[in-house]
Protein backbone atom coordinates (compact mmCIF):
# COMPACT_ATOMS: atom_id res chain seq x y z
CA MET A 1 131.77 144.73 78.58
CA LYS A 2 129.39 146.91 76.64
CA TYR A 3 131.60 147.23 73.56
CA SER A 4 133.50 143.95 73.45
CA GLU A 5 132.69 140.31 72.86
CA VAL A 6 134.41 137.15 73.99
CA GLU A 7 135.21 134.64 71.26
CA LYS A 8 137.03 131.34 71.16
CA MET A 9 140.26 131.56 69.19
CA THR A 10 142.63 128.90 67.90
CA HIS A 11 146.26 129.90 67.44
CA LYS A 12 149.21 127.92 66.11
CA PHE A 13 152.18 127.93 68.48
CA LEU A 14 155.50 126.10 68.06
CA ASP A 15 154.14 123.18 70.10
CA GLY A 16 150.83 122.98 68.23
CA LEU A 17 147.34 124.47 68.13
CA LYS A 18 145.82 125.98 71.27
CA ASP A 19 142.28 127.15 71.94
CA PHE A 20 141.56 130.05 74.26
CA TYR A 21 139.10 132.88 74.76
CA VAL A 22 139.82 136.46 73.69
CA PHE A 23 138.12 139.84 73.97
CA THR A 24 137.37 141.45 70.60
CA ILE A 25 135.95 144.74 69.34
CA ARG A 26 134.37 145.52 65.99
CA ASN A 27 136.67 146.68 63.20
CA PRO A 28 137.17 150.39 63.98
CA CYS A 29 138.93 151.18 60.70
CA LYS A 30 135.82 152.29 58.80
CA LYS A 31 134.87 154.88 61.44
CA LYS A 32 134.44 158.44 60.25
CA ASP A 33 135.08 159.60 63.85
CA PHE A 34 138.13 157.45 64.62
CA PRO A 35 139.58 158.84 67.90
CA ASP A 36 142.29 161.47 67.30
CA ARG A 37 144.35 160.19 70.24
CA VAL A 38 144.75 156.71 68.67
CA ASN A 39 147.31 155.98 65.94
CA LYS A 40 144.99 154.74 63.19
CA ASP A 41 147.90 153.51 61.05
CA TYR A 42 148.85 151.08 63.82
CA PHE A 43 145.42 149.43 63.91
CA CYS A 44 144.37 149.94 60.31
CA ASP A 45 145.50 149.45 56.76
CA GLY A 46 142.94 151.67 55.06
CA GLU A 47 139.56 150.31 56.14
CA LYS A 48 140.97 146.88 56.99
CA ILE A 49 142.60 145.72 60.23
CA ASN A 50 146.40 145.91 60.07
CA ASN A 51 147.27 142.23 60.53
CA ASN A 52 150.97 143.10 60.83
CA GLN A 53 150.28 144.92 64.11
CA VAL A 54 147.16 143.44 65.73
CA TYR A 55 145.36 140.11 65.78
CA ASN A 56 142.20 139.90 63.72
CA LEU A 57 139.48 137.34 64.42
CA ASN A 58 136.42 137.37 62.15
CA ASP A 59 137.11 141.00 61.16
CA ARG A 60 137.31 142.03 64.84
CA VAL A 61 140.38 143.36 66.68
CA VAL A 62 141.61 141.12 69.48
CA ILE A 63 142.17 143.34 72.52
CA GLY A 64 142.72 140.87 75.34
CA LEU A 65 143.15 137.27 76.41
CA LEU A 66 141.31 135.40 79.15
CA HIS A 67 143.64 133.05 81.01
CA GLU A 68 141.79 129.85 81.85
CA GLY A 69 138.61 131.43 80.41
CA ARG A 70 135.25 129.76 80.83
CA SER A 71 131.56 130.59 80.78
CA CYS A 72 130.21 132.02 84.02
CA LYS A 73 127.45 130.37 85.97
CA LYS A 74 124.26 132.35 86.56
CA GLU A 75 125.04 132.79 90.26
CA GLU A 76 128.46 134.26 89.40
CA ILE A 77 126.87 136.80 87.04
CA ASP A 78 124.24 137.64 89.66
CA PHE A 79 127.01 138.17 92.25
CA VAL A 80 128.76 140.72 90.02
CA LYS A 81 125.49 142.49 89.20
CA SER A 82 124.56 142.83 92.88
CA HIS A 83 128.05 143.62 94.25
CA GLN A 84 128.15 146.99 96.06
CA VAL A 85 130.91 148.30 93.76
CA THR A 86 130.74 146.48 90.43
CA GLY A 87 126.97 146.34 90.24
CA ARG A 88 126.36 150.01 90.90
CA PHE A 89 129.25 151.44 88.89
CA CYS A 90 128.92 149.12 85.87
CA GLU A 91 125.31 150.16 85.37
CA LEU A 92 126.16 153.84 85.84
CA ARG A 93 129.13 153.68 83.47
CA ASN A 94 127.29 151.68 80.82
CA ASN A 95 124.42 154.18 80.79
CA THR A 96 126.48 157.37 80.75
CA PRO A 97 126.13 159.24 77.41
CA LEU A 98 129.37 159.37 75.41
CA GLU A 99 129.61 163.16 75.61
CA ASN A 100 129.57 162.95 79.43
CA LEU A 101 132.43 160.46 79.74
CA LYS A 102 135.58 162.18 80.95
CA THR A 103 137.79 159.57 82.57
CA GLY A 104 140.82 159.17 80.31
CA MET A 105 141.81 155.92 78.62
CA GLY A 106 138.41 154.34 79.16
CA ASP A 107 136.80 157.07 77.10
CA ILE A 108 139.34 156.64 74.30
CA PHE A 109 138.62 152.90 74.27
CA ILE A 110 134.86 153.50 74.12
CA LYS A 111 135.27 155.89 71.19
CA LEU A 112 137.40 153.30 69.40
CA ALA A 113 135.20 150.29 70.18
CA ARG A 114 131.64 151.60 69.91
């Protein structure tokens, strides 16, 4: 949540245009500290997003799709924030300094997306 944004995307399928919501991250290709454990040539063509491999929306890499996506109501957001698991751990995780993150793929994603 901290490093991604949700955007509305229109895509042309065989049966016509469809709108849906996708998760995106900033273009990581200009990073001086691009994560070593990620194949930069897959995501990038120089400093540009490699459109032959990944979807690009407004110079952002599309990383996920929300099925039946919609905007949350305030009470739904409050429920997540106050939940005994998500509320406590999201705040802890989002405030942990990068050098202290040591949990595998999540750390690689954060280094790519930040």
